[in-house]
Amino acid sequence: MAQKNTLCAPHCGNHPCALQVEIENGTPVKLRTHPKMRFPPCIKGFQLIDRLNHPDRILFPMKQTGKRGAGKWSRISWEEALGLVAEGLERAKSNYGNRSVALYNYAGQHGLPGGSRAAKFTIHRLLNLWGGFVPAVERGD
C-alpha cells in the first residue's frame, strides 16, 4: 500500500488541510490528517474518498438527450461540451447583454484558476476580453 501527501482543496477557501492518502492498486482508499497539521481539519475532506470512488461519479461530459427530469443522457466529447458552453454564453450575451453572465464559484479560492489572487488575472481577464461579466460577489480586493 502506497502513501502520498495531498490537500483537501475543494472545500476551504482559507487554508486547505494537509492530508495523507493511502493508495491500493492505484485507487485512493483512506485519508488521514497529515501529522504536521497545526490545527484539526474539518470533516468535509474525509468524504472525498467516497466521492472519488462513487459508482455514479461523472467521468466525462454528458448531454441531456431526453426531456428534463427523464434522466436521459449521452456521452459527448470535451470539444462538443466546450462548444455547447461557448454557444450558451454567446446566446446569453446576444439576447441579454454581458450583465446576464455571472461568474460564480462556490469553493473559496480553489474554485478559481490560479487561486484567489491570480483569479483577476485569469478568468476575470478572459471574461473581460469576451466583453465583461458580473461578479457574483463584489469583494474589496
C-alpha atoms as a PDB file:
ATOM      1  CA  MET A   1       0.000   0.000   0.000  1.00  0.00           C
ATOM      2  CA  ALA A   2       1.429   3.385  -1.034  1.00  0.00           C
ATOM      3  CA  GLN A   3       1.011   6.611   0.896  1.00  0.00           C
ATOM      4  CA  LYS A   4       1.011  10.122  -0.627  1.00  0.00           C
ATOM      5  CA  ASN A   5       0.567  13.628   0.723  1.00  0.00           C
ATOM      6  CA  THR A   6      -2.310  15.713  -0.610  1.00  0.00           C
ATOM      7  CA  LEU A   7      -4.580  18.657   0.197  1.00  0.00           C
ATOM      8  CA  CYS A   8      -8.297  18.999   0.720  1.00  0.00           C
ATOM      9  CA  ALA A   9      -8.737  21.790  -1.801  1.00  0.00           C
ATOM     10  CA  PRO A  10     -12.378  21.584  -2.999  1.00  0.00           C
ATOM     11  CA  HIS A  11     -13.952  22.901   0.192  1.00  0.00           C
ATOM     12  CA  CYS A  12     -11.937  25.512   2.034  1.00  0.00           C
ATOM     13  CA  GLY A  13     -11.098  28.986   0.830  1.00  0.00           C
ATOM     14  CA  ASN A  14      -8.847  29.885   3.732  1.00  0.00           C
ATOM     15  CA  HIS A  15      -6.236  27.217   4.233  1.00  0.00           C
ATOM     16  CA  PRO A  16      -6.562  23.780   2.653  1.00  0.00           C
ATOM     17  CA  CYS A  17      -5.976  20.915   5.056  1.00  0.00           C
ATOM     18  CA  ALA A  18      -2.921  18.714   4.598  1.00  0.00           C
ATOM     19  CA  LEU A  19      -3.872  15.051   4.383  1.00  0.00           C
ATOM     20  CA  GLN A  20      -2.220  11.715   3.752  1.00  0.00           C
ATOM     21  CA  VAL A  21      -3.904   9.298   1.375  1.00  0.00           C
ATOM     22  CA  GLU A  22      -3.404   5.539   1.268  1.00  0.00           C
ATOM     23  CA  ILE A  23      -3.478   4.062  -2.232  1.00  0.00           C
ATOM     24  CA  GLU A  24      -4.171   0.417  -3.121  1.00  0.00           C
ATOM     25  CA  ASN A  25      -3.786  -0.716  -6.735  1.00  0.00           C
ATOM     26  CA  GLY A  26      -3.832   2.899  -7.915  1.00  0.00           C
ATOM     27  CA  THR A  27      -7.047   3.739  -6.052  1.00  0.00           C
ATOM     28  CA  PRO A  28      -7.217   6.073  -3.029  1.00  0.00           C
ATOM     29  CA  VAL A  29      -8.793   4.126  -0.156  1.00  0.00           C
ATOM     30  CA  LYS A  30      -8.197   6.095   3.063  1.00  0.00           C
ATOM     31  CA  LEU A  31      -7.450   9.641   4.223  1.00  0.00           C
ATOM     32  CA  ARG A  32      -5.932  10.806   7.492  1.00  0.00           C
ATOM     33  CA  THR A  33      -4.695  14.107   8.851  1.00  0.00           C
ATOM     34  CA  HIS A  34      -1.083  14.884   7.968  1.00  0.00           C
ATOM     35  CA  PRO A  35       0.991  14.704  11.172  1.00  0.00           C
ATOM     36  CA  LYS A  36       2.361  18.241  10.672  1.00  0.00           C
ATOM     37  CA  MET A  37      -1.077  19.904  10.577  1.00  0.00           C
ATOM     38  CA  ARG A  38      -1.202  22.648  13.206  1.00  0.00           C
ATOM     39  CA  PHE A  39      -4.992  22.665  13.513  1.00  0.00           C
ATOM     40  CA  PRO A  40      -7.629  19.939  13.258  1.00  0.00           C
ATOM     41  CA  PRO A  41      -9.205  19.631   9.800  1.00  0.00           C
ATOM     42  CA  CYS A  42     -12.945  19.780   9.353  1.00  0.00           C
ATOM     43  CA  ILE A  43     -14.904  16.655   8.493  1.00  0.00           C
ATOM     44  CA  LYS A  44     -15.733  17.665   4.887  1.00  0.00           C
ATOM     45  CA  GLY A  45     -12.467  16.494   3.374  1.00  0.00           C
ATOM     46  CA  PHE A  46     -12.732  12.992   4.739  1.00  0.00           C
ATOM     47  CA  GLN A  47     -15.678  12.163   2.447  1.00  0.00           C
ATOM     48  CA  LEU A  48     -13.546  12.822  -0.656  1.00  0.00           C
ATOM     49  CA  ILE A  49     -12.666   9.109  -0.980  1.00  0.00           C
ATOM     50  CA  ASP A  50     -16.378   8.215  -1.098  1.00  0.00           C
ATOM     51  CA  ARG A  51     -16.990  10.903  -3.693  1.00  0.00           C
ATOM     52  CA  LEU A  52     -13.984   9.892  -5.789  1.00  0.00           C
ATOM     53  CA  ASN A  53     -14.907   6.197  -5.798  1.00  0.00           C
ATOM     54  CA  HIS A  54     -18.699   6.597  -6.070  1.00  0.00           C
ATOM     55  CA  PRO A  55     -20.142   4.443  -8.869  1.00  0.00           C
ATOM     56  CA  ASP A  56     -22.343   7.331 -10.094  1.00  0.00           C
ATOM     57  CA  ARG A  57     -19.442   9.800 -10.381  1.00  0.00           C
ATOM     58  CA  ILE A  58     -19.436  11.529 -13.761  1.00  0.00           C
ATOM     59  CA  LEU A  59     -16.116  10.891 -15.501  1.00  0.00           C
ATOM     60  CA  PHE A  60     -16.726  12.583 -18.854  1.00  0.00           C
ATOM     61  CA  PRO A  61     -19.030  15.233 -20.363  1.00  0.00           C
ATOM     62  CA  MET A  62     -22.683  14.305 -20.716  1.00  0.00           C
ATOM     63  CA  LYS A  63     -25.508  15.896 -22.712  1.00  0.00           C
ATOM     64  CA  GLN A  64     -29.165  15.672 -21.794  1.00  0.00           C
ATOM     65  CA  THR A  65     -30.957  13.845 -24.611  1.00  0.00           C
ATOM     66  CA  GLY A  66     -34.439  13.371 -23.168  1.00  0.00           C
ATOM     67  CA  LYS A  67     -36.943  15.652 -21.516  1.00  0.00           C
ATOM     68  CA  ARG A  68     -35.782  17.466 -18.412  1.00  0.00           C
ATOM     69  CA  GLY A  69     -36.022  15.154 -15.409  1.00  0.00           C
ATOM     70  CA  ALA A  70     -36.235  11.991 -17.507  1.00  0.00           C
ATOM     71  CA  GLY A  71     -32.651  11.007 -16.742  1.00  0.00           C
ATOM     72  CA  LYS A  72     -31.688  10.514 -20.391  1.00  0.00           C
ATOM     73  CA  TRP A  73     -28.058  11.451 -21.056  1.00  0.00           C
ATOM     74  CA  SER A  74     -25.424  10.602 -23.637  1.00  0.00           C
ATOM     75  CA  ARG A  75     -21.660  10.869 -23.542  1.00  0.00           C
ATOM     76  CA  ILE A  76     -20.139  13.675 -25.612  1.00  0.00           C
ATOM     77  CA  SER A  77     -16.581  14.796 -26.336  1.00  0.00           C
ATOM     78  CA  TRP A  78     -14.842  17.572 -24.430  1.00  0.00           C
ATOM     79  CA  GLU A  79     -14.767  19.538 -27.686  1.00  0.00           C
ATOM     80  CA  GLU A  80     -18.553  19.305 -28.039  1.00  0.00           C
ATOM     81  CA  ALA A  81     -19.079  20.149 -24.350  1.00  0.00           C
ATOM     82  CA  LEU A  82     -16.923  23.268 -24.569  1.00  0.00           C
ATOM     83  CA  GLY A  83     -18.694  24.229 -27.794  1.00  0.00           C
ATOM     84  CA  LEU A  84     -22.080  23.981 -26.064  1.00  0.00           C
ATOM     85  CA  VAL A  85     -20.857  26.164 -23.195  1.00  0.00           C
ATOM     86  CA  ALA A  86     -19.499  28.740 -25.662  1.00  0.00           C
ATOM     87  CA  GLU A  87     -22.784  28.730 -27.602  1.00  0.00           C
ATOM     88  CA  GLY A  88     -24.770  29.251 -24.405  1.00  0.00           C
ATOM     89  CA  LEU A  89     -22.577  32.148 -23.313  1.00  0.00           C
ATOM     90  CA  GLU A  90     -22.798  33.779 -26.745  1.00  0.00           C
ATOM     91  CA  ARG A  91     -26.592  33.302 -26.807  1.00  0.00           C
ATOM     92  CA  ALA A  92     -26.972  34.894 -23.341  1.00  0.00           C
ATOM     93  CA  LYS A  93     -24.684  37.774 -24.314  1.00  0.00           C
ATOM     94  CA  SER A  94     -26.541  38.331 -27.596  1.00  0.00           C
ATOM     95  CA  ASN A  95     -30.027  38.170 -26.064  1.00  0.00           C
ATOM     96  CA  TYR A  96     -29.462  39.862 -22.692  1.00  0.00           C
ATOM     97  CA  GLY A  97     -26.031  41.529 -22.691  1.00  0.00           C
ATOM     98  CA  ASN A  98     -22.896  40.861 -20.703  1.00  0.00           C
ATOM     99  CA  ARG A  99     -24.651  41.571 -17.409  1.00  0.00           C
ATOM    100  CA  SER A 100     -26.526  38.299 -17.890  1.00  0.00           C
ATOM    101  CA  VAL A 101     -23.298  36.347 -17.310  1.00  0.00           C
ATOM    102  CA  ALA A 102     -22.269  35.938 -13.685  1.00  0.00           C
ATOM    103  CA  LEU A 103     -19.008  34.422 -12.525  1.00  0.00           C
ATOM    104  CA  TYR A 104     -19.804  32.221  -9.543  1.00  0.00           C
ATOM    105  CA  ASN A 105     -17.508  29.920  -7.633  1.00  0.00           C
ATOM    106  CA  TYR A 106     -18.583  28.090  -4.507  1.00  0.00           C
ATOM    107  CA  ALA A 107     -15.338  26.620  -3.273  1.00  0.00           C
ATOM    108  CA  GLY A 108     -13.380  29.574  -1.978  1.00  0.00           C
ATOM    109  CA  GLN A 109     -10.077  30.276  -3.676  1.00  0.00           C
ATOM    110  CA  HIS A 110      -9.894  26.757  -5.063  1.00  0.00           C
ATOM    111  CA  GLY A 111     -12.812  27.302  -7.426  1.00  0.00           C
ATOM    112  CA  LEU A 112     -10.869  29.842  -9.485  1.00  0.00           C
ATOM    113  CA  PRO A 113      -7.923  29.128 -11.770  1.00  0.00           C
ATOM    114  CA  GLY A 114      -4.750  30.256 -10.054  1.00  0.00           C
ATOM    115  CA  GLY A 115      -6.400  30.821  -6.648  1.00  0.00           C
ATOM    116  CA  SER A 116      -7.994  33.992  -5.339  1.00  0.00           C
ATOM    117  CA  ARG A 117      -5.016  36.290  -6.006  1.00  0.00           C
ATOM    118  CA  ALA A 118      -4.497  35.177  -9.609  1.00  0.00           C
ATOM    119  CA  ALA A 119      -8.237  34.970 -10.407  1.00  0.00           C
ATOM    120  CA  LYS A 120      -8.483  38.564 -11.601  1.00  0.00           C
ATOM    121  CA  PHE A 121      -5.583  37.892 -13.946  1.00  0.00           C
ATOM    122  CA  THR A 122      -7.001  34.656 -15.356  1.00  0.00           C
ATOM    123  CA  ILE A 123     -10.750  34.053 -15.568  1.00  0.00           C
ATOM    124  CA  HIS A 124     -11.620  37.730 -14.985  1.00  0.00           C
ATOM    125  CA  ARG A 125      -9.264  38.746 -17.810  1.00  0.00           C
ATOM    126  CA  LEU A 126     -10.719  36.128 -20.132  1.00  0.00           C
ATOM    127  CA  LEU A 127     -14.289  37.230 -19.455  1.00  0.00           C
ATOM    128  CA  ASN A 128     -13.350  40.892 -19.813  1.00  0.00           C
ATOM    129  CA  LEU A 129     -11.758  40.181 -23.205  1.00  0.00           C
ATOM    130  CA  TRP A 130     -15.024  38.472 -24.136  1.00  0.00           C
ATOM    131  CA  GLY A 131     -16.889  41.672 -23.267  1.00  0.00           C
ATOM    132  CA  GLY A 132     -17.387  41.615 -19.494  1.00  0.00           C
ATOM    133  CA  PHE A 133     -19.330  39.815 -16.798  1.00  0.00           C
ATOM    134  CA  VAL A 134     -20.936  40.386 -13.413  1.00  0.00           C
ATOM    135  CA  PRO A 135     -19.044  39.021 -10.400  1.00  0.00           C
ATOM    136  CA  ALA A 136     -21.493  37.093  -8.208  1.00  0.00           C
ATOM    137  CA  VAL A 137     -19.938  38.645  -5.086  1.00  0.00           C
ATOM    138  CA  GLU A 138     -18.244  42.014  -5.095  1.00  0.00           C
ATOM    139  CA  ARG A 139     -15.113  41.911  -2.962  1.00  0.00           C
ATOM    140  CA  GLY A 140     -12.800  44.681  -1.883  1.00  0.00           C
ATOM    141  CA  ASP A 141      -9.608  43.015  -3.146  1.00  0.00           C
END
